[in-house]
Amino acid sequence: MRACIDIGGTKVSVSLNDAARPRELLARRHEPTAVTGTPDAVALQCIRMVDQACAELGVDPIVVQHAAVAAPGPFVLGGGLTELATPNICGGLPGSGRQLPNDWRTALLEAPLLRRFARVRVENDAVAALEAERRWGALQGADHCAYVTWSTGVGCGLCVGGRVLRGKHGNAGHLGHTFATDDSTAVCGCGNVGDIEALAAGNAIARRFGMPAAELFAAARRGEVPALSIVDEISRVVGRALYNITALLDLQRISLGGGVFLHNHDLLLPRLQAEVRGRLPTLTQGCELVVAGLGDRVGDYAAVALLD
C-alpha cells in the first residue's frame, strides 16, 4: 500500500494505492492546505491525512512506507531535500496581495515526510500531471509535449524526445513565472512584477479585475462586453506563453488542465488555439492544444503516476 499526495495552493488531496491495482485510489480525502503554524505544517498535514486514510481502510499505517508527492513549486533544496517556496503557501515571500497568515520563506516537505516514510518521491505537480497525461490521458503517444495547468497558479510540465525535463532543482517548466509585461500593478506572490501568473492566474483575476474568476466567466457567457474583453486579455497572455513553449521546444501536443481552464474551456480553448496558430506556422503547424484527458482528476492521478 502506497500513499498518493497532491498538494495545491488551495487544497491537499491524499489517497492510498494498492500496488496490485495501480490506477485505483482508496480512501480519498481533501482538506484546505495548511498555511498556519510551523513551516512543516503542510508535511504534517499530509502525514495525518495518510494515517486517517489508513484508519478508514483498517490498514496499519506502518505498512504504508512509500509516498509519492505532487507539489507546487518553485522548489529549493535544504540539505539536499525538497522544500517549497510556493507563493500561494509561503507568506514570507516578497510578493504582495496574498495576506497569508504565516511568514514562511519555505515550507519544509521532504525531510518531515522521510521521518514517516521509508521512500518519498517529490515532483512538481505539473510534471507529475504530465506523467499521468502521458500514461493515461491526452498525451499518450506524444514524445514532444507539455501539460499546462491554469488554476490558482500557472504551471507546466515539459517532455522533449520522450524525456521529461526537470532541471537542477526540479523547477523546469515554471511558465507562470516567466515575464509578459512591465505593468507595475501586476505583482506575483513570488515577487516578480509582470509575470504570467500575476496577470492571468485564478487568484490574479480577482485582484486585477475586482471579481472572482467564476463571476468573470459567467458574465462573459452572458455576452457582457467588459467581461469578454478581460477573457480576451488573459487568453492572449496565456496563449502567447503556449506559443513560446511551442516555438522553443517544437512541441506536437499540449494538454491543458487546472480549475480556471477546465471550468471554462469552451471559452478559453478557441482563444488559446487562435493565439498559437496565428503566429509563424512553420513552428506551430502540427502542435495541437487539447483538454486534459484525465479532466479534473488529473491531480489525483498525478501522484499515482510517480509510483514505481
C-alpha atoms as a PDB file:
ATOM      1  CA  MET A   1       0.000   0.000   0.000  1.00  0.00           C
ATOM      2  CA  ARG A   2       1.384   3.402  -1.054  1.00  0.00           C
ATOM      3  CA  ALA A   3       0.410   6.998  -0.264  1.00  0.00           C
ATOM      4  CA  CYS A   4      -0.556   9.392  -3.071  1.00  0.00           C
ATOM      5  CA  ILE A   5      -0.348  13.049  -2.054  1.00  0.00           C
ATOM      6  CA  ASP A   6      -1.360  16.022  -4.201  1.00  0.00           C
ATOM      7  CA  ILE A   7      -0.526  19.401  -2.636  1.00  0.00           C
ATOM      8  CA  GLY A   8      -2.066  22.528  -4.113  1.00  0.00           C
ATOM      9  CA  GLY A   9      -2.183  26.167  -3.177  1.00  0.00           C
ATOM     10  CA  THR A  10      -5.844  25.698  -2.224  1.00  0.00           C
ATOM     11  CA  LYS A  11      -6.195  22.100  -1.050  1.00  0.00           C
ATOM     12  CA  VAL A  12      -4.315  18.925  -0.181  1.00  0.00           C
ATOM     13  CA  SER A  13      -5.617  15.607  -1.522  1.00  0.00           C
ATOM     14  CA  VAL A  14      -4.497  12.256  -0.147  1.00  0.00           C
ATOM     15  CA  SER A  15      -5.368   8.706  -1.097  1.00  0.00           C
ATOM     16  CA  LEU A  16      -3.925   5.232  -0.784  1.00  0.00           C
ATOM     17  CA  ASN A  17      -2.987   2.967  -3.658  1.00  0.00           C
ATOM     18  CA  ASP A  18      -2.611  -0.802  -3.708  1.00  0.00           C
ATOM     19  CA  ALA A  19       0.322  -1.884  -5.883  1.00  0.00           C
ATOM     20  CA  ALA A  20      -1.825  -4.713  -7.225  1.00  0.00           C
ATOM     21  CA  ARG A  21      -4.366  -2.188  -8.567  1.00  0.00           C
ATOM     22  CA  PRO A  22      -2.199   0.698  -9.792  1.00  0.00           C
ATOM     23  CA  ARG A  23      -4.967   3.032 -11.019  1.00  0.00           C
ATOM     24  CA  GLU A  24      -7.291   2.648  -8.051  1.00  0.00           C
ATOM     25  CA  LEU A  25      -7.432   5.409  -5.429  1.00  0.00           C
ATOM     26  CA  LEU A  26      -8.623   4.340  -1.976  1.00  0.00           C
ATOM     27  CA  ALA A  27      -9.880   6.370   0.998  1.00  0.00           C
ATOM     28  CA  ARG A  28      -9.595   9.671  -0.861  1.00  0.00           C
ATOM     29  CA  ARG A  29      -9.814  12.833   1.236  1.00  0.00           C
ATOM     30  CA  HIS A  30      -9.324  16.567   0.744  1.00  0.00           C
ATOM     31  CA  GLU A  31      -8.581  19.464   3.071  1.00  0.00           C
ATOM     32  CA  PRO A  32      -7.687  23.136   2.655  1.00  0.00           C
ATOM     33  CA  THR A  33      -3.906  23.476   2.519  1.00  0.00           C
ATOM     34  CA  ALA A  34      -2.405  24.295   5.918  1.00  0.00           C
ATOM     35  CA  VAL A  35      -0.985  27.826   5.981  1.00  0.00           C
ATOM     36  CA  THR A  36      -0.590  28.404   9.731  1.00  0.00           C
ATOM     37  CA  GLY A  37       1.802  27.073  12.349  1.00  0.00           C
ATOM     38  CA  THR A  38       5.357  25.949  11.783  1.00  0.00           C
ATOM     39  CA  PRO A  39       6.995  25.640   8.323  1.00  0.00           C
ATOM     40  CA  ASP A  40       6.489  21.855   8.382  1.00  0.00           C
ATOM     41  CA  ALA A  41       2.708  22.244   8.776  1.00  0.00           C
ATOM     42  CA  VAL A  42       1.863  21.046   5.256  1.00  0.00           C
ATOM     43  CA  ALA A  43       4.046  17.946   5.601  1.00  0.00           C
ATOM     44  CA  LEU A  44       2.496  17.140   8.989  1.00  0.00           C
ATOM     45  CA  GLN A  45      -0.954  17.633   7.490  1.00  0.00           C
ATOM     46  CA  CYS A  46      -0.114  15.109   4.758  1.00  0.00           C
ATOM     47  CA  ILE A  47       1.120  12.558   7.301  1.00  0.00           C
ATOM     48  CA  ARG A  48      -2.010  12.957   9.435  1.00  0.00           C
ATOM     49  CA  MET A  49      -4.257  12.548   6.374  1.00  0.00           C
ATOM     50  CA  VAL A  50      -2.423   9.403   5.280  1.00  0.00           C
ATOM     51  CA  ASP A  51      -2.840   7.917   8.754  1.00  0.00           C
ATOM     52  CA  GLN A  52      -6.553   8.819   8.676  1.00  0.00           C
ATOM     53  CA  ALA A  53      -6.907   7.097   5.304  1.00  0.00           C
ATOM     54  CA  CYS A  54      -5.259   4.002   6.794  1.00  0.00           C
ATOM     55  CA  ALA A  55      -7.708   4.077   9.687  1.00  0.00           C
ATOM     56  CA  GLU A  56     -10.636   4.283   7.265  1.00  0.00           C
ATOM     57  CA  LEU A  57      -9.447   1.127   5.495  1.00  0.00           C
ATOM     58  CA  GLY A  58      -8.415  -0.669   8.664  1.00  0.00           C
ATOM     59  CA  VAL A  59      -4.792  -0.712   7.496  1.00  0.00           C
ATOM     60  CA  ASP A  60      -1.902  -0.459   9.945  1.00  0.00           C
ATOM     61  CA  PRO A  61      -0.153   2.838   8.993  1.00  0.00           C
ATOM     62  CA  ILE A  62       3.227   1.157   9.372  1.00  0.00           C
ATOM     63  CA  VAL A  63       2.662  -0.803   6.152  1.00  0.00           C
ATOM     64  CA  VAL A  64       2.472   2.436   4.138  1.00  0.00           C
ATOM     65  CA  GLN A  65       6.143   3.233   3.634  1.00  0.00           C
ATOM     66  CA  HIS A  66       6.160   4.707   0.112  1.00  0.00           C
ATOM     67  CA  ALA A  67       4.824   8.217  -0.568  1.00  0.00           C
ATOM     68  CA  ALA A  68       4.551   9.930  -3.955  1.00  0.00           C
ATOM     69  CA  VAL A  69       4.012  13.691  -3.717  1.00  0.00           C
ATOM     70  CA  ALA A  70       2.924  16.080  -6.450  1.00  0.00           C
ATOM     71  CA  ALA A  71       3.595  19.579  -5.100  1.00  0.00           C
ATOM     72  CA  PRO A  72       3.555  23.148  -6.393  1.00  0.00           C
ATOM     73  CA  GLY A  73       6.916  24.826  -6.880  1.00  0.00           C
ATOM     74  CA  PRO A  74       9.205  26.518  -7.014  1.00  0.00           C
ATOM     75  CA  PHE A  75      11.366  24.089  -5.081  1.00  0.00           C
ATOM     76  CA  VAL A  76      14.519  24.839  -3.133  1.00  0.00           C
ATOM     77  CA  LEU A  77      16.878  22.295  -1.621  1.00  0.00           C
ATOM     78  CA  GLY A  78      17.604  22.368   2.098  1.00  0.00           C
ATOM     79  CA  GLY A  79      20.337  19.891   2.937  1.00  0.00           C
ATOM     80  CA  GLY A  80      19.626  18.203  -0.389  1.00  0.00           C
ATOM     81  CA  LEU A  81      15.925  17.729   0.407  1.00  0.00           C
ATOM     82  CA  THR A  82      12.998  19.457  -1.275  1.00  0.00           C
ATOM     83  CA  GLU A  83      11.312  22.447   0.338  1.00  0.00           C
ATOM     84  CA  LEU A  84       8.505  24.512  -1.170  1.00  0.00           C
ATOM     85  CA  ALA A  85       8.987  28.192  -1.982  1.00  0.00           C
ATOM     86  CA  THR A  86       5.423  28.445  -3.224  1.00  0.00           C
ATOM     87  CA  PRO A  87       3.802  31.919  -3.364  1.00  0.00           C
ATOM     88  CA  ASN A  88       0.335  30.568  -2.589  1.00  0.00           C
ATOM     89  CA  ILE A  89       1.561  28.766   0.543  1.00  0.00           C
ATOM     90  CA  CYS A  90       4.553  30.734   1.883  1.00  0.00           C
ATOM     91  CA  GLY A  91       3.607  34.142   3.277  1.00  0.00           C
ATOM     92  CA  GLY A  92       7.213  35.239   3.805  1.00  0.00           C
ATOM     93  CA  LEU A  93       7.940  35.573   0.080  1.00  0.00           C
ATOM     94  CA  PRO A  94       8.273  39.120  -1.244  1.00  0.00           C
ATOM     95  CA  GLY A  95       5.130  39.360  -3.391  1.00  0.00           C
ATOM     96  CA  SER A  96       2.200  41.435  -2.155  1.00  0.00           C
ATOM     97  CA  GLY A  97      -1.520  40.767  -2.035  1.00  0.00           C
ATOM     98  CA  ARG A  98      -1.610  37.225  -0.640  1.00  0.00           C
ATOM     99  CA  GLN A  99      -2.311  38.066   3.040  1.00  0.00           C
ATOM    100  CA  LEU A 100      -1.230  34.591   4.105  1.00  0.00           C
ATOM    101  CA  PRO A 101      -1.168  34.041   7.893  1.00  0.00           C
ATOM    102  CA  ASN A 102       2.460  32.912   8.036  1.00  0.00           C
ATOM    103  CA  ASP A 103       5.965  34.256   7.477  1.00  0.00           C
ATOM    104  CA  TRP A 104       7.426  31.124   5.885  1.00  0.00           C
ATOM    105  CA  ARG A 105      10.115  31.613   3.275  1.00  0.00           C
ATOM    106  CA  THR A 106       9.880  27.884   2.545  1.00  0.00           C
ATOM    107  CA  ALA A 107       7.596  25.060   3.627  1.00  0.00           C
ATOM    108  CA  LEU A 108       9.553  22.001   4.749  1.00  0.00           C
ATOM    109  CA  LEU A 109       8.375  18.942   2.877  1.00  0.00           C
ATOM    110  CA  GLU A 110      10.702  16.070   2.084  1.00  0.00           C
ATOM    111  CA  ALA A 111      12.595  15.997   5.389  1.00  0.00           C
ATOM    112  CA  PRO A 112       9.465  15.636   7.599  1.00  0.00           C
ATOM    113  CA  LEU A 113       7.998  13.063   5.229  1.00  0.00           C
ATOM    114  CA  LEU A 114      11.166  10.983   5.356  1.00  0.00           C
ATOM    115  CA  ARG A 115      10.780  10.766   9.122  1.00  0.00           C
ATOM    116  CA  ARG A 116       7.496   8.951   8.485  1.00  0.00           C
ATOM    117  CA  PHE A 117       8.029   7.105   5.171  1.00  0.00           C
ATOM    118  CA  ALA A 118      10.969   4.980   4.027  1.00  0.00           C
ATOM    119  CA  ARG A 119      10.645   6.186   0.414  1.00  0.00           C
ATOM    120  CA  VAL A 120       9.490   9.617  -0.738  1.00  0.00           C
ATOM    121  CA  ARG A 121       9.365  10.957  -4.276  1.00  0.00           C
ATOM    122  CA  VAL A 122       8.525  14.639  -4.723  1.00  0.00           C
ATOM    123  CA  GLU A 123       7.861  16.153  -8.148  1.00  0.00           C
ATOM    124  CA  ASN A 124       6.447  19.414  -9.358  1.00  0.00           C
ATOM    125  CA  ASP A 125       2.690  18.950  -9.654  1.00  0.00           C
ATOM    126  CA  ALA A 126       2.650  19.925 -13.331  1.00  0.00           C
ATOM    127  CA  VAL A 127       5.443  17.443 -14.082  1.00  0.00           C
ATOM    128  CA  ALA A 128       3.523  14.737 -12.233  1.00  0.00           C
ATOM    129  CA  ALA A 129       0.363  15.640 -14.164  1.00  0.00           C
ATOM    130  CA  LEU A 130       2.382  15.454 -17.391  1.00  0.00           C
ATOM    131  CA  GLU A 131       3.413  11.920 -16.433  1.00  0.00           C
ATOM    132  CA  ALA A 132      -0.220  10.999 -15.754  1.00  0.00           C
ATOM    133  CA  GLU A 133      -1.430  12.510 -19.035  1.00  0.00           C
ATOM    134  CA  ARG A 134       1.316  10.652 -20.931  1.00  0.00           C
ATOM    135  CA  ARG A 135       0.380   7.364 -19.287  1.00  0.00           C
ATOM    136  CA  TRP A 136      -3.425   7.523 -19.242  1.00  0.00           C
ATOM    137  CA  GLY A 137      -4.612  10.820 -20.718  1.00  0.00           C
ATOM    138  CA  ALA A 138      -4.430  13.079 -23.747  1.00  0.00           C
ATOM    139  CA  LEU A 139      -0.639  12.921 -24.163  1.00  0.00           C
ATOM    140  CA  GLN A 140      -0.413   9.192 -24.831  1.00  0.00           C
ATOM    141  CA  GLY A 141       1.928   8.548 -27.745  1.00  0.00           C
ATOM    142  CA  ALA A 142       3.359  12.090 -27.741  1.00  0.00           C
ATOM    143  CA  ASP A 143       7.140  12.351 -27.287  1.00  0.00           C
ATOM    144  CA  HIS A 144       7.264  16.155 -27.649  1.00  0.00           C
ATOM    145  CA  CYS A 145       4.569  17.538 -25.403  1.00  0.00           C
ATOM    146  CA  ALA A 146       3.573  19.660 -22.432  1.00  0.00           C
ATOM    147  CA  TYR A 147       0.959  19.722 -19.728  1.00  0.00           C
ATOM    148  CA  VAL A 148      -0.118  23.204 -18.680  1.00  0.00           C
ATOM    149  CA  THR A 149      -2.300  23.910 -15.663  1.00  0.00           C
ATOM    150  CA  TRP A 150      -4.201  27.194 -15.495  1.00  0.00           C
ATOM    151  CA  SER A 151      -5.583  27.329 -11.976  1.00  0.00           C
ATOM    152  CA  THR A 152      -4.688  29.145  -8.734  1.00  0.00           C
ATOM    153  CA  GLY A 153      -1.290  29.429 -10.422  1.00  0.00           C
ATOM    154  CA  VAL A 154       0.053  28.647 -13.891  1.00  0.00           C
ATOM    155  CA  GLY A 155       2.348  25.622 -14.146  1.00  0.00           C
ATOM    156  CA  CYS A 156       3.879  23.495 -16.859  1.00  0.00           C
ATOM    157  CA  GLY A 157       5.463  20.082 -17.327  1.00  0.00           C
ATOM    158  CA  LEU A 158       7.644  19.566 -20.409  1.00  0.00           C
ATOM    159  CA  CYS A 159       8.724  16.499 -22.368  1.00  0.00           C
ATOM    160  CA  VAL A 160      11.074  16.517 -25.378  1.00  0.00           C
ATOM    161  CA  GLY A 161      12.206  13.410 -27.224  1.00  0.00           C
ATOM    162  CA  GLY A 162      10.329  11.267 -24.720  1.00  0.00           C
ATOM    163  CA  ARG A 163      12.329  12.694 -21.813  1.00  0.00           C
ATOM    164  CA  VAL A 164      10.695  14.746 -19.078  1.00  0.00           C
ATOM    165  CA  LEU A 165      12.605  17.962 -18.336  1.00  0.00           C
ATOM    166  CA  ARG A 166      13.311  18.676 -14.668  1.00  0.00           C
ATOM    167  CA  GLY A 167      16.324  20.962 -14.291  1.00  0.00           C
ATOM    168  CA  LYS A 168      18.829  21.326 -11.479  1.00  0.00           C
ATOM    169  CA  HIS A 169      16.259  21.704  -8.671  1.00  0.00           C
ATOM    170  CA  GLY A 170      13.220  20.173 -10.346  1.00  0.00           C
ATOM    171  CA  ASN A 171      11.938  23.604 -11.388  1.00  0.00           C
ATOM    172  CA  ALA A 172      11.900  23.246 -15.181  1.00  0.00           C
ATOM    173  CA  GLY A 173       8.583  24.377 -16.633  1.00  0.00           C
ATOM    174  CA  HIS A 174       7.724  27.304 -14.367  1.00  0.00           C
ATOM    175  CA  LEU A 175       5.838  29.013 -17.139  1.00  0.00           C
ATOM    176  CA  GLY A 176       3.812  31.126 -14.721  1.00  0.00           C
ATOM    177  CA  HIS A 177       6.922  32.937 -13.514  1.00  0.00           C
ATOM    178  CA  THR A 178       8.138  33.978 -16.962  1.00  0.00           C
ATOM    179  CA  PHE A 179       7.702  37.641 -17.861  1.00  0.00           C
ATOM    180  CA  ALA A 180       4.984  39.069 -20.072  1.00  0.00           C
ATOM    181  CA  THR A 181       4.697  42.793 -19.263  1.00  0.00           C
ATOM    182  CA  ASP A 182       6.198  45.758 -17.426  1.00  0.00           C
ATOM    183  CA  ASP A 183       2.858  46.530 -15.726  1.00  0.00           C
ATOM    184  CA  SER A 184       3.899  47.578 -12.205  1.00  0.00           C
ATOM    185  CA  THR A 185       0.455  46.719 -10.798  1.00  0.00           C
ATOM    186  CA  ALA A 186       0.785  43.028 -11.735  1.00  0.00           C
ATOM    187  CA  VAL A 187       2.692  41.708  -8.715  1.00  0.00           C
ATOM    188  CA  CYS A 188       3.094  37.958  -8.314  1.00  0.00           C
ATOM    189  CA  GLY A 189       3.267  36.244  -4.946  1.00  0.00           C
ATOM    190  CA  CYS A 190       6.860  35.308  -5.771  1.00  0.00           C
ATOM    191  CA  GLY A 191       7.836  38.993  -6.031  1.00  0.00           C
ATOM    192  CA  ASN A 192       8.015  39.172  -9.817  1.00  0.00           C
ATOM    193  CA  VAL A 193       6.292  42.111 -11.447  1.00  0.00           C
ATOM    194  CA  GLY A 194       4.543  41.351 -14.717  1.00  0.00           C
ATOM    195  CA  ASP A 195       4.851  37.589 -14.943  1.00  0.00           C
ATOM    196  CA  ILE A 196       2.129  35.371 -16.401  1.00  0.00           C
ATOM    197  CA  GLU A 197       0.828  34.214 -13.038  1.00  0.00           C
ATOM    198  CA  ALA A 198       0.446  37.807 -11.854  1.00  0.00           C
ATOM    199  CA  LEU A 199      -1.580  38.599 -14.974  1.00  0.00           C
ATOM    200  CA  ALA A 200      -3.802  35.591 -15.533  1.00  0.00           C
ATOM    201  CA  ALA A 201      -3.786  33.069 -12.653  1.00  0.00           C
ATOM    202  CA  GLY A 202      -7.040  32.377 -10.876  1.00  0.00           C
ATOM    203  CA  ASN A 203      -6.114  34.425  -7.818  1.00  0.00           C
ATOM    204  CA  ALA A 204      -4.832  37.276 -10.027  1.00  0.00           C
ATOM    205  CA  ILE A 205      -8.188  37.683 -11.760  1.00  0.00           C
ATOM    206  CA  ALA A 206      -9.929  38.828  -8.574  1.00  0.00           C
ATOM    207  CA  ARG A 207      -7.079  41.188  -7.654  1.00  0.00           C
ATOM    208  CA  ARG A 208      -6.786  42.760 -11.089  1.00  0.00           C
ATOM    209  CA  PHE A 209     -10.411  42.916 -12.169  1.00  0.00           C
ATOM    210  CA  GLY A 210     -12.356  43.067  -8.918  1.00  0.00           C
ATOM    211  CA  MET A 211     -14.364  39.873  -9.352  1.00  0.00           C
ATOM    212  CA  PRO A 212     -13.755  36.157  -8.776  1.00  0.00           C
ATOM    213  CA  ALA A 213     -12.908  34.109 -11.848  1.00  0.00           C
ATOM    214  CA  ALA A 214     -16.260  32.303 -11.717  1.00  0.00           C
ATOM    215  CA  GLU A 215     -18.158  35.616 -11.889  1.00  0.00           C
ATOM    216  CA  LEU A 216     -15.991  36.865 -14.722  1.00  0.00           C
ATOM    217  CA  PHE A 217     -16.627  33.829 -16.891  1.00  0.00           C
ATOM    218  CA  ALA A 218     -20.344  33.808 -16.058  1.00  0.00           C
ATOM    219  CA  ALA A 219     -20.555  37.412 -17.236  1.00  0.00           C
ATOM    220  CA  ALA A 220     -18.639  36.522 -20.393  1.00  0.00           C
ATOM    221  CA  ARG A 221     -21.117  33.743 -21.156  1.00  0.00           C
ATOM    222  CA  ARG A 222     -23.922  36.277 -20.834  1.00  0.00           C
ATOM    223  CA  GLY A 223     -22.196  38.255 -23.549  1.00  0.00           C
ATOM    224  CA  GLU A 224     -21.190  41.193 -21.344  1.00  0.00           C
ATOM    225  CA  VAL A 225     -18.620  43.139 -23.340  1.00  0.00           C
ATOM    226  CA  PRO A 226     -16.289  44.179 -20.443  1.00  0.00           C
ATOM    227  CA  ALA A 227     -16.054  40.561 -19.269  1.00  0.00           C
ATOM    228  CA  LEU A 228     -15.423  39.276 -22.794  1.00  0.00           C
ATOM    229  CA  SER A 229     -12.669  41.862 -23.145  1.00  0.00           C
ATOM    230  CA  ILE A 230     -10.988  40.573 -19.978  1.00  0.00           C
ATOM    231  CA  VAL A 231     -11.283  36.955 -21.142  1.00  0.00           C
ATOM    232  CA  ASP A 232      -9.645  38.011 -24.407  1.00  0.00           C
ATOM    233  CA  GLU A 233      -6.861  39.733 -22.480  1.00  0.00           C
ATOM    234  CA  ILE A 234      -5.974  36.839 -20.183  1.00  0.00           C
ATOM    235  CA  SER A 235      -6.282  34.365 -23.063  1.00  0.00           C
ATOM    236  CA  ARG A 236      -3.807  36.484 -25.012  1.00  0.00           C
ATOM    237  CA  VAL A 237      -1.330  36.311 -22.125  1.00  0.00           C
ATOM    238  CA  VAL A 238      -1.579  32.537 -21.694  1.00  0.00           C
ATOM    239  CA  GLY A 239      -1.879  31.883 -25.428  1.00  0.00           C
ATOM    240  CA  ARG A 240       1.360  33.706 -26.123  1.00  0.00           C
ATOM    241  CA  ALA A 241       3.042  31.676 -23.387  1.00  0.00           C
ATOM    242  CA  LEU A 242       1.846  28.500 -25.104  1.00  0.00           C
ATOM    243  CA  TYR A 243       3.213  29.791 -28.402  1.00  0.00           C
ATOM    244  CA  ASN A 244       6.550  30.481 -26.719  1.00  0.00           C
ATOM    245  CA  ILE A 245       6.994  26.946 -25.398  1.00  0.00           C
ATOM    246  CA  THR A 246       5.868  25.558 -28.757  1.00  0.00           C
ATOM    247  CA  ALA A 247       8.448  27.675 -30.563  1.00  0.00           C
ATOM    248  CA  LEU A 248      11.209  26.846 -28.077  1.00  0.00           C
ATOM    249  CA  LEU A 249      10.640  23.091 -27.910  1.00  0.00           C
ATOM    250  CA  ASP A 250       8.918  22.200 -31.209  1.00  0.00           C
ATOM    251  CA  LEU A 251       6.003  20.519 -29.435  1.00  0.00           C
ATOM    252  CA  GLN A 252       3.387  18.287 -31.012  1.00  0.00           C
ATOM    253  CA  ARG A 253       0.705  18.450 -28.320  1.00  0.00           C
ATOM    254  CA  ILE A 254      -0.170  20.499 -25.245  1.00  0.00           C
ATOM    255  CA  SER A 255      -2.678  19.152 -22.728  1.00  0.00           C
ATOM    256  CA  LEU A 256      -4.466  21.814 -20.695  1.00  0.00           C
ATOM    257  CA  GLY A 257      -5.941  21.438 -17.220  1.00  0.00           C
ATOM    258  CA  GLY A 258      -6.463  23.303 -13.964  1.00  0.00           C
ATOM    259  CA  GLY A 259      -9.604  24.790 -12.490  1.00  0.00           C
ATOM    260  CA  VAL A 260      -9.656  28.040 -14.466  1.00  0.00           C
ATOM    261  CA  PHE A 261      -9.216  26.244 -17.778  1.00  0.00           C
ATOM    262  CA  LEU A 262     -11.318  23.117 -17.217  1.00  0.00           C
ATOM    263  CA  HIS A 263     -14.334  25.014 -15.909  1.00  0.00           C
ATOM    264  CA  ASN A 264     -14.206  27.402 -18.854  1.00  0.00           C
ATOM    265  CA  HIS A 265     -12.560  25.512 -21.700  1.00  0.00           C
ATOM    266  CA  ASP A 266     -15.464  26.269 -24.030  1.00  0.00           C
ATOM    267  CA  LEU A 267     -14.487  29.952 -23.866  1.00  0.00           C
ATOM    268  CA  LEU A 268     -10.748  29.578 -23.466  1.00  0.00           C
ATOM    269  CA  LEU A 269      -9.652  26.790 -25.800  1.00  0.00           C
ATOM    270  CA  PRO A 270     -10.657  28.516 -29.083  1.00  0.00           C
ATOM    271  CA  ARG A 271      -8.935  31.719 -27.964  1.00  0.00           C
ATOM    272  CA  LEU A 272      -5.750  29.901 -26.975  1.00  0.00           C
ATOM    273  CA  GLN A 273      -5.730  27.960 -30.230  1.00  0.00           C
ATOM    274  CA  ALA A 274      -6.056  31.200 -32.192  1.00  0.00           C
ATOM    275  CA  GLU A 275      -3.120  32.732 -30.327  1.00  0.00           C
ATOM    276  CA  VAL A 276      -0.864  29.770 -31.091  1.00  0.00           C
ATOM    277  CA  ARG A 277      -1.978  29.109 -34.650  1.00  0.00           C
ATOM    278  CA  GLY A 278      -1.925  32.760 -35.615  1.00  0.00           C
ATOM    279  CA  ARG A 279       1.852  33.013 -35.377  1.00  0.00           C
ATOM    280  CA  LEU A 280       4.654  31.602 -37.553  1.00  0.00           C
ATOM    281  CA  PRO A 281       3.031  28.458 -38.944  1.00  0.00           C
ATOM    282  CA  THR A 282       6.443  26.922 -39.617  1.00  0.00           C
ATOM    283  CA  LEU A 283       6.830  26.478 -35.852  1.00  0.00           C
ATOM    284  CA  THR A 284       3.226  25.907 -34.831  1.00  0.00           C
ATOM    285  CA  GLN A 285       1.886  23.557 -37.500  1.00  0.00           C
ATOM    286  CA  GLY A 286       1.383  20.090 -36.093  1.00  0.00           C
ATOM    287  CA  CYS A 287       1.021  21.258 -32.489  1.00  0.00           C
ATOM    288  CA  GLU A 288      -2.453  20.702 -31.088  1.00  0.00           C
ATOM    289  CA  LEU A 289      -3.969  22.097 -27.906  1.00  0.00           C
ATOM    290  CA  VAL A 290      -6.287  19.645 -26.150  1.00  0.00           C
ATOM    291  CA  VAL A 291      -8.288  19.398 -22.942  1.00  0.00           C
ATOM    292  CA  ALA A 292      -6.588  17.188 -20.345  1.00  0.00           C
ATOM    293  CA  GLY A 293      -7.732  13.632 -20.937  1.00  0.00           C
ATOM    294  CA  LEU A 294      -7.961  12.966 -17.197  1.00  0.00           C
ATOM    295  CA  GLY A 295     -10.030  16.104 -16.683  1.00  0.00           C
ATOM    296  CA  ASP A 296     -10.426  17.301 -13.117  1.00  0.00           C
ATOM    297  CA  ARG A 297      -8.899  14.054 -11.825  1.00  0.00           C
ATOM    298  CA  VAL A 298      -5.504  14.758 -13.329  1.00  0.00           C
ATOM    299  CA  GLY A 299      -4.278  15.930  -9.913  1.00  0.00           C
ATOM    300  CA  ASP A 300      -5.341  12.667  -8.279  1.00  0.00           C
ATOM    301  CA  TYR A 301      -3.593  10.567 -10.878  1.00  0.00           C
ATOM    302  CA  ALA A 302      -0.528  12.816 -10.915  1.00  0.00           C
ATOM    303  CA  ALA A 303       0.752  11.306  -7.677  1.00  0.00           C
ATOM    304  CA  VAL A 304      -0.157   7.780  -8.821  1.00  0.00           C
ATOM    305  CA  ALA A 305       1.986   8.298 -11.928  1.00  0.00           C
ATOM    306  CA  LEU A 306       5.007   8.903  -9.692  1.00  0.00           C
ATOM    307  CA  LEU A 307       4.788   5.464  -8.082  1.00  0.00           C
ATOM    308  CA  ASP A 308       7.219   2.873  -9.373  1.00  0.00           C
END
